[in-house]
């Protein structure tokens, strides 16, 4: 029998409804109440388009920096190879 929430993992107990991970979510909801939903909406779902734009810009910036770093590293490696010959 699979978990009622994620439908991927087997249930924790034969008499329970959730797997271990989903049971943890259920416990968090019981402890923190609606705050859990607020955190999920603001962090994972990003319904606010302003936050989406910022996140996209950050990811593009990281990608550009990574490419620049790789190009610099590759150039330095090529220079070392030519000086050794």
C-alpha atoms as a PDB file:
ATOM      1  CA  UNK A   1       0.000   0.000   0.000  1.00  0.00           C
ATOM      2  CA  UNK A   2       1.353   3.411  -0.941  1.00  0.00           C
ATOM      3  CA  UNK A   3       1.297   6.689   0.943  1.00  0.00           C
ATOM      4  CA  UNK A   4      -1.918   8.717   0.570  1.00  0.00           C
ATOM      5  CA  UNK A   5      -0.009  11.986   0.122  1.00  0.00           C
ATOM      6  CA  UNK A   6       2.977  11.327  -2.174  1.00  0.00           C
ATOM      7  CA  UNK A   7       1.668   8.038  -3.624  1.00  0.00           C
ATOM      8  CA  UNK A   8       5.256   6.874  -4.207  1.00  0.00           C
ATOM      9  CA  UNK A   9       6.607   5.471  -0.964  1.00  0.00           C
ATOM     10  CA  UNK A  10       5.181   2.589   1.025  1.00  0.00           C
ATOM     11  CA  UNK A  11       3.254   3.445   4.162  1.00  0.00           C
ATOM     12  CA  UNK A  12       5.103   3.570   7.468  1.00  0.00           C
ATOM     13  CA  UNK A  13       2.718   1.095   9.147  1.00  0.00           C
ATOM     14  CA  UNK A  14      -0.002  -1.121   7.787  1.00  0.00           C
ATOM     15  CA  UNK A  15      -2.574   0.820   9.818  1.00  0.00           C
ATOM     16  CA  UNK A  16      -1.206   4.279   8.885  1.00  0.00           C
ATOM     17  CA  UNK A  17      -1.831   6.437   5.856  1.00  0.00           C
ATOM     18  CA  UNK A  18       1.540   8.121   5.272  1.00  0.00           C
ATOM     19  CA  UNK A  19       5.177   7.250   4.553  1.00  0.00           C
ATOM     20  CA  UNK A  20       7.918   8.447   6.895  1.00  0.00           C
ATOM     21  CA  UNK A  21       8.567  11.719   5.016  1.00  0.00           C
ATOM     22  CA  UNK A  22       4.889  12.650   4.683  1.00  0.00           C
ATOM     23  CA  UNK A  23       4.278  11.789   8.314  1.00  0.00           C
ATOM     24  CA  UNK A  24       6.932  14.381   9.155  1.00  0.00           C
ATOM     25  CA  UNK A  25       5.018  16.952   7.100  1.00  0.00           C
ATOM     26  CA  UNK A  26       1.824  16.048   8.896  1.00  0.00           C
ATOM     27  CA  UNK A  27       3.569  16.528  12.235  1.00  0.00           C
ATOM     28  CA  UNK A  28       4.953  19.915  11.129  1.00  0.00           C
ATOM     29  CA  UNK A  29       1.480  21.057  10.108  1.00  0.00           C
ATOM     30  CA  UNK A  30       0.124  19.914  13.462  1.00  0.00           C
ATOM     31  CA  UNK A  31       2.854  21.836  15.328  1.00  0.00           C
ATOM     32  CA  UNK A  32       3.106  25.038  13.272  1.00  0.00           C
ATOM     33  CA  UNK A  33      -0.368  25.248  11.739  1.00  0.00           C
ATOM     34  CA  UNK A  34      -0.965  27.587   8.806  1.00  0.00           C
ATOM     35  CA  UNK A  35       2.617  28.878   8.931  1.00  0.00           C
ATOM     36  CA  UNK A  36       3.699  25.694   7.090  1.00  0.00           C
ATOM     37  CA  UNK A  37       1.460  26.591   4.152  1.00  0.00           C
ATOM     38  CA  UNK A  38       2.794  30.150   4.101  1.00  0.00           C
ATOM     39  CA  UNK A  39       6.386  28.902   3.980  1.00  0.00           C
ATOM     40  CA  UNK A  40       5.626  26.408   1.202  1.00  0.00           C
ATOM     41  CA  UNK A  41       3.855  29.078  -0.843  1.00  0.00           C
ATOM     42  CA  UNK A  42       6.561  31.704  -0.408  1.00  0.00           C
ATOM     43  CA  UNK A  43       9.598  29.444  -0.815  1.00  0.00           C
ATOM     44  CA  UNK A  44       8.634  26.582  -3.096  1.00  0.00           C
ATOM     45  CA  UNK A  45       5.669  27.752  -5.147  1.00  0.00           C
ATOM     46  CA  UNK A  46       6.755  31.387  -5.620  1.00  0.00           C
ATOM     47  CA  UNK A  47       3.329  32.666  -6.651  1.00  0.00           C
ATOM     48  CA  UNK A  48       4.563  36.256  -6.417  1.00  0.00           C
ATOM     49  CA  UNK A  49       5.914  37.147  -9.869  1.00  0.00           C
ATOM     50  CA  UNK A  50       8.355  39.697  -8.408  1.00  0.00           C
ATOM     51  CA  UNK A  51      10.098  36.933  -6.505  1.00  0.00           C
ATOM     52  CA  UNK A  52      10.120  34.783  -9.630  1.00  0.00           C
ATOM     53  CA  UNK A  53      11.846  37.517 -11.617  1.00  0.00           C
ATOM     54  CA  UNK A  54      14.472  37.973  -8.905  1.00  0.00           C
ATOM     55  CA  UNK A  55      15.112  34.218  -8.738  1.00  0.00           C
ATOM     56  CA  UNK A  56      15.422  33.965 -12.526  1.00  0.00           C
ATOM     57  CA  UNK A  57      17.858  36.891 -12.596  1.00  0.00           C
ATOM     58  CA  UNK A  58      19.918  35.290  -9.814  1.00  0.00           C
ATOM     59  CA  UNK A  59      20.076  31.977 -11.652  1.00  0.00           C
ATOM     60  CA  UNK A  60      21.115  33.652 -14.898  1.00  0.00           C
ATOM     61  CA  UNK A  61      23.780  35.632 -13.037  1.00  0.00           C
ATOM     62  CA  UNK A  62      25.137  32.442 -11.439  1.00  0.00           C
ATOM     63  CA  UNK A  63      25.194  30.708 -14.816  1.00  0.00           C
ATOM     64  CA  UNK A  64      27.097  33.587 -16.428  1.00  0.00           C
ATOM     65  CA  UNK A  65      29.608  33.677 -13.569  1.00  0.00           C
ATOM     66  CA  UNK A  66      30.096  29.924 -13.828  1.00  0.00           C
ATOM     67  CA  UNK A  67      30.686  30.136 -17.584  1.00  0.00           C
ATOM     68  CA  UNK A  68      33.151  33.006 -17.119  1.00  0.00           C
ATOM     69  CA  UNK A  69      34.982  31.031 -14.452  1.00  0.00           C
ATOM     70  CA  UNK A  70      35.165  27.974 -16.691  1.00  0.00           C
ATOM     71  CA  UNK A  71      36.457  30.038 -19.594  1.00  0.00           C
ATOM     72  CA  UNK A  72      39.104  31.652 -17.439  1.00  0.00           C
ATOM     73  CA  UNK A  73      40.137  28.291 -16.059  1.00  0.00           C
ATOM     74  CA  UNK A  74      40.330  26.844 -19.539  1.00  0.00           C
ATOM     75  CA  UNK A  75      42.457  29.757 -20.806  1.00  0.00           C
ATOM     76  CA  UNK A  76      44.841  29.425 -17.882  1.00  0.00           C
ATOM     77  CA  UNK A  77      45.158  25.704 -18.508  1.00  0.00           C
ATOM     78  CA  UNK A  78      45.888  26.306 -22.195  1.00  0.00           C
ATOM     79  CA  UNK A  79      48.604  28.852 -21.296  1.00  0.00           C
ATOM     80  CA  UNK A  80      50.250  26.328 -18.995  1.00  0.00           C
ATOM     81  CA  UNK A  81      50.227  23.684 -21.721  1.00  0.00           C
ATOM     82  CA  UNK A  82      51.927  25.998 -24.243  1.00  0.00           C
ATOM     83  CA  UNK A  83      54.588  27.099 -21.792  1.00  0.00           C
ATOM     84  CA  UNK A  84      55.543  23.510 -20.989  1.00  0.00           C
ATOM     85  CA  UNK A  85      56.353  22.685 -24.629  1.00  0.00           C
END
